[in-house]
C-alpha atoms as a PDB file:
ATOM      1  CA  MET A   1       1.067   2.305  35.230  1.00  0.00           C
ATOM      2  CA  MET A   2       4.331   0.722  34.180  1.00  0.00           C
ATOM      3  CA  GLU A   3       7.286   3.017  33.626  1.00  0.00           C
ATOM      4  CA  THR A   4       9.735   2.362  30.827  1.00  0.00           C
ATOM      5  CA  GLN A   5      13.185   3.686  30.169  1.00  0.00           C
ATOM      6  CA  PRO A   6      14.043   5.320  26.840  1.00  0.00           C
ATOM      7  CA  GLY A   7      14.548   2.609  24.221  1.00  0.00           C
ATOM      8  CA  GLN A   8      12.871  -0.030  26.394  1.00  0.00           C
ATOM      9  CA  ASP A   9      10.009  -2.075  24.991  1.00  0.00           C
ATOM     10  CA  PHE A  10       6.529  -1.746  26.444  1.00  0.00           C
ATOM     11  CA  ALA A  11       5.298  -4.688  28.444  1.00  0.00           C
ATOM     12  CA  PRO A  12       3.224  -7.141  26.426  1.00  0.00           C
ATOM     13  CA  PRO A  13      -0.511  -7.116  27.054  1.00  0.00           C
ATOM     14  CA  GLU A  14      -1.656  -9.552  29.732  1.00  0.00           C
ATOM     15  CA  GLY A  15      -3.452 -12.769  28.910  1.00  0.00           C
ATOM     16  CA  LEU A  16      -1.898 -13.500  25.526  1.00  0.00           C
ATOM     17  CA  PRO A  17      -2.022 -17.090  24.281  1.00  0.00           C
ATOM     18  CA  PRO A  18       1.232 -18.992  23.741  1.00  0.00           C
ATOM     19  CA  ALA A  19       3.050 -18.023  20.560  1.00  0.00           C
ATOM     20  CA  GLN A  20       3.037 -20.452  17.642  1.00  0.00           C
ATOM     21  CA  THR A  21       6.473 -22.036  17.568  1.00  0.00           C
ATOM     22  CA  GLN A  22       5.927 -24.419  14.649  1.00  0.00           C
ATOM     23  CA  PRO A  23       5.476 -23.044  11.130  1.00  0.00           C
ATOM     24  CA  LEU A  24       2.299 -23.779   9.215  1.00  0.00           C
ATOM     25  CA  PRO A  25       2.687 -26.987   7.192  1.00  0.00           C
ATOM     26  CA  ALA A  26       0.535 -26.005   4.205  1.00  0.00           C
ATOM     27  CA  THR A  27       1.451 -22.408   3.420  1.00  0.00           C
ATOM     28  CA  GLU A  28       0.978 -22.854  -0.329  1.00  0.00           C
ATOM     29  CA  ALA A  29      -2.555 -24.166   0.155  1.00  0.00           C
ATOM     30  CA  MET A  30      -3.415 -21.214   2.384  1.00  0.00           C
ATOM     31  CA  LEU A  31      -2.018 -18.733  -0.140  1.00  0.00           C
ATOM     32  CA  ALA A  32      -4.200 -20.377  -2.781  1.00  0.00           C
ATOM     33  CA  GLU A  33      -7.264 -19.287  -0.787  1.00  0.00           C
ATOM     34  CA  MET A  34      -6.286 -15.623  -1.200  1.00  0.00           C
ATOM     35  CA  PRO A  35      -7.342 -13.578  -4.220  1.00  0.00           C
ATOM     36  CA  ARG A  36      -4.905 -14.182  -7.082  1.00  0.00           C
ATOM     37  CA  ALA A  37      -3.216 -10.744  -7.032  1.00  0.00           C
ATOM     38  CA  THR A  38      -2.808 -10.810  -3.263  1.00  0.00           C
ATOM     39  CA  ALA A  39      -1.428 -14.358  -3.259  1.00  0.00           C
ATOM     40  CA  ALA A  40       1.157 -13.464  -5.909  1.00  0.00           C
ATOM     41  CA  LEU A  41       2.261 -10.444  -3.899  1.00  0.00           C
ATOM     42  CA  ALA A  42       2.383 -12.441  -0.662  1.00  0.00           C
ATOM     43  CA  GLY A  43       4.424 -15.184  -2.337  1.00  0.00           C
ATOM     44  CA  LYS A  44       7.073 -12.634  -3.323  1.00  0.00           C
ATOM     45  CA  LEU A  45       7.276 -11.246   0.208  1.00  0.00           C
ATOM     46  CA  ILE A  46       7.549 -14.526   2.060  1.00  0.00           C
ATOM     47  CA  LYS A  47       9.626 -16.524  -0.481  1.00  0.00           C
ATOM     48  CA  ASP A  48      11.130 -19.468   1.432  1.00  0.00           C
ATOM     49  CA  LYS A  49      10.459 -18.121   4.932  1.00  0.00           C
ATOM     50  CA  ASN A  50       8.538 -20.011   7.589  1.00  0.00           C
ATOM     51  CA  VAL A  51       4.950 -18.802   8.005  1.00  0.00           C
ATOM     52  CA  TYR A  52       3.369 -19.015  11.455  1.00  0.00           C
ATOM     53  CA  MET A  53       0.017 -17.384  10.836  1.00  0.00           C
ATOM     54  CA  ILE A  54      -2.101 -15.938   8.022  1.00  0.00           C
ATOM     55  CA  VAL A  55      -4.956 -13.573   8.880  1.00  0.00           C
ATOM     56  CA  ARG A  56      -7.608 -12.221   6.524  1.00  0.00           C
ATOM     57  CA  THR A  57      -8.552  -8.911   8.117  1.00  0.00           C
ATOM     58  CA  GLY A  58     -11.849  -7.097   7.738  1.00  0.00           C
ATOM     59  CA  THR A  59      -9.950  -3.989   6.656  1.00  0.00           C
ATOM     60  CA  LYS A  60      -9.756  -2.761   3.073  1.00  0.00           C
ATOM     61  CA  THR A  61      -7.417  -0.091   1.779  1.00  0.00           C
ATOM     62  CA  ASP A  62      -6.831   1.974  -1.343  1.00  0.00           C
ATOM     63  CA  VAL A  63      -4.657   0.030  -3.781  1.00  0.00           C
ATOM     64  CA  GLY A  64      -5.106   2.362  -6.751  1.00  0.00           C
ATOM     65  CA  SER A  65      -8.143   0.690  -8.304  1.00  0.00           C
ATOM     66  CA  TRP A  66     -11.195   2.670  -9.383  1.00  0.00           C
ATOM     67  CA  LEU A  67     -13.510  -0.255  -8.785  1.00  0.00           C
ATOM     68  CA  ALA A  68     -12.398  -1.843  -5.534  1.00  0.00           C
ATOM     69  CA  ARG A  69     -10.279  -1.496  -2.443  1.00  0.00           C
ATOM     70  CA  GLY A  70      -7.894  -4.311  -1.542  1.00  0.00           C
ATOM     71  CA  ARG A  71      -8.426  -6.464   1.528  1.00  0.00           C
ATOM     72  CA  VAL A  72      -5.504  -6.404   3.965  1.00  0.00           C
ATOM     73  CA  TRP A  73      -3.918  -9.748   4.864  1.00  0.00           C
ATOM     74  CA  LEU A  74      -1.374 -10.292   7.641  1.00  0.00           C
ATOM     75  CA  ILE A  75       1.272 -12.980   7.362  1.00  0.00           C
ATOM     76  CA  VAL A  76       3.282 -13.636  10.505  1.00  0.00           C
ATOM     77  CA  LEU A  77       6.817 -14.797   9.789  1.00  0.00           C
ATOM     78  CA  GLU A  78       9.423 -15.784  12.361  1.00  0.00           C
ATOM     79  CA  ASP A  79      10.821 -12.273  12.745  1.00  0.00           C
ATOM     80  CA  ALA A  80       8.516 -10.053  10.678  1.00  0.00           C
ATOM     81  CA  LEU A  81       4.938  -9.252   9.803  1.00  0.00           C
ATOM     82  CA  ALA A  82       4.144  -9.171   6.088  1.00  0.00           C
ATOM     83  CA  VAL A  83       1.165  -6.993   5.190  1.00  0.00           C
ATOM     84  CA  VAL A  84      -0.384  -7.288   1.730  1.00  0.00           C
ATOM     85  CA  ALA A  85      -3.405  -5.923  -0.119  1.00  0.00           C
ATOM     86  CA  ALA A  86      -3.986  -5.940  -3.864  1.00  0.00           C
ATOM     87  CA  THR A  87      -6.553  -6.149  -6.628  1.00  0.00           C
ATOM     88  CA  LEU A  88      -6.059  -7.249 -10.217  1.00  0.00           C
ATOM     89  CA  ALA A  89      -6.514  -3.705 -11.532  1.00  0.00           C
ATOM     90  CA  GLY A  90      -4.838  -1.939  -8.604  1.00  0.00           C
ATOM     91  CA  LYS A  91      -1.843   0.224  -9.487  1.00  0.00           C
ATOM     92  CA  ARG A  92      -0.594   0.708  -5.905  1.00  0.00           C
ATOM     93  CA  PRO A  93      -0.696  -2.584  -4.008  1.00  0.00           C
ATOM     94  CA  LEU A  94       0.280  -2.651  -0.351  1.00  0.00           C
ATOM     95  CA  ALA A  95       3.289  -4.896   0.182  1.00  0.00           C
ATOM     96  CA  ARG A  96       5.252  -4.341   3.338  1.00  0.00           C
ATOM     97  CA  THR A  97       7.365  -6.395   5.692  1.00  0.00           C
ATOM     98  CA  ILE A  98       7.754  -4.989   9.194  1.00  0.00           C
ATOM     99  CA  PRO A  99      10.239  -6.492  11.660  1.00  0.00           C
ATOM    100  CA  LEU A 100       8.387  -7.708  14.768  1.00  0.00           C
ATOM    101  CA  SER A 101      10.883  -5.772  16.886  1.00  0.00           C
ATOM    102  CA  ARG A 102       9.403  -2.548  15.426  1.00  0.00           C
ATOM    103  CA  LEU A 103       5.910  -3.422  16.644  1.00  0.00           C
ATOM    104  CA  ASN A 104       6.690  -3.385  20.360  1.00  0.00           C
ATOM    105  CA  ARG A 105       3.788  -1.075  21.273  1.00  0.00           C
ATOM    106  CA  SER A 106       1.068  -2.876  19.343  1.00  0.00           C
ATOM    107  CA  ARG A 107      -2.265  -3.439  21.055  1.00  0.00           C
ATOM    108  CA  TYR A 108      -5.692  -4.911  20.350  1.00  0.00           C
ATOM    109  CA  ASN A 109      -8.724  -2.734  21.109  1.00  0.00           C
ATOM    110  CA  HIS A 110     -11.557  -5.024  22.213  1.00  0.00           C
ATOM    111  CA  VAL A 111     -14.105  -2.219  21.906  1.00  0.00           C
ATOM    112  CA  THR A 112     -13.402  -1.411  18.239  1.00  0.00           C
ATOM    113  CA  GLY A 113     -12.201  -4.898  17.291  1.00  0.00           C
ATOM    114  CA  GLN A 114      -9.037  -3.494  15.781  1.00  0.00           C
ATOM    115  CA  LEU A 115      -5.386  -4.375  16.013  1.00  0.00           C
ATOM    116  CA  ALA A 116      -3.238  -1.249  16.189  1.00  0.00           C
ATOM    117  CA  LEU A 117       0.327  -1.724  14.988  1.00  0.00           C
ATOM    118  CA  SER A 118       2.678   0.622  16.786  1.00  0.00           C
ATOM    119  CA  PRO A 119       5.019   2.433  16.674  1.00  0.00           C
ATOM    120  CA  GLU A 120       5.290   1.312  13.027  1.00  0.00           C
ATOM    121  CA  THR A 121       2.259   2.325  10.972  1.00  0.00           C
ATOM    122  CA  LEU A 122       0.708   1.499   7.621  1.00  0.00           C
ATOM    123  CA  PRO A 123      -0.198   4.323   5.231  1.00  0.00           C
ATOM    124  CA  GLY A 124      -3.927   5.065   5.256  1.00  0.00           C
ATOM    125  CA  ILE A 125      -4.698   2.409   7.894  1.00  0.00           C
ATOM    126  CA  LYS A 126      -5.396   3.289  11.526  1.00  0.00           C
ATOM    127  CA  GLY A 127      -6.395  -0.169  12.707  1.00  0.00           C
ATOM    128  CA  LEU A 128      -6.859  -3.666  11.341  1.00  0.00           C
ATOM    129  CA  ALA A 129     -10.232  -5.298  11.933  1.00  0.00           C
ATOM    130  CA  VAL A 130      -9.597  -8.800  13.277  1.00  0.00           C
ATOM    131  CA  SER A 131     -11.334 -11.088  15.744  1.00  0.00           C
ATOM    132  CA  PRO A 132     -10.208 -11.000  19.385  1.00  0.00           C
ATOM    133  CA  ILE A 133      -8.669 -14.460  19.009  1.00  0.00           C
ATOM    134  CA  GLU A 134      -6.695 -13.497  15.890  1.00  0.00           C
ATOM    135  CA  GLY A 135      -5.660 -10.167  17.414  1.00  0.00           C
ATOM    136  CA  SER A 136      -4.402 -11.881  20.566  1.00  0.00           C
ATOM    137  CA  GLN A 137      -2.505 -14.494  18.574  1.00  0.00           C
ATOM    138  CA  VAL A 138      -0.831 -11.869  16.354  1.00  0.00           C
ATOM    139  CA  LEU A 139       0.228  -9.995  19.508  1.00  0.00           C
ATOM    140  CA  ALA A 140       1.546 -13.247  21.013  1.00  0.00           C
ATOM    141  CA  GLN A 141       3.757 -13.622  17.935  1.00  0.00           C
ATOM    142  CA  VAL A 142       4.884  -9.984  18.105  1.00  0.00           C
ATOM    143  CA  TYR A 143       5.862 -10.214  21.773  1.00  0.00           C
ATOM    144  CA  HIS A 144       7.331 -13.724  21.620  1.00  0.00           C
ATOM    145  CA  LYS A 145      10.982 -13.733  22.697  1.00  0.00           C
ATOM    146  CA  ARG A 146      13.183 -15.537  20.198  1.00  0.00           C
END
């Protein structure tokens, strides 16, 4: 077991792929594949920032709609993780940008298939259902030294 000093980051998980160092070339086209309400919300969060990864999770959360829960999407920026979920009728969309430096204890659970963001958390969400490849790549971005 690795010991850490107060304020020190945890060691990154072993076996992570290399971090993406080049932004995605067609961010607008990828946003167009999202549901309309989610894409509009994501566009406001990322504005003119470079996007390195967009992940459609298998997790849905309460966005204040009687009829549907909003799917959670992760957008990896150079220094932050944007998390969005919305529906057209939802009154409480999820729109949050978390600095990558505040995710220094995040892990992927291969048994449950969930990415756990830590120590920062998302309200009402314990884990984000993503594939092992996507989970590993998100963690590679989180732990990438800039």
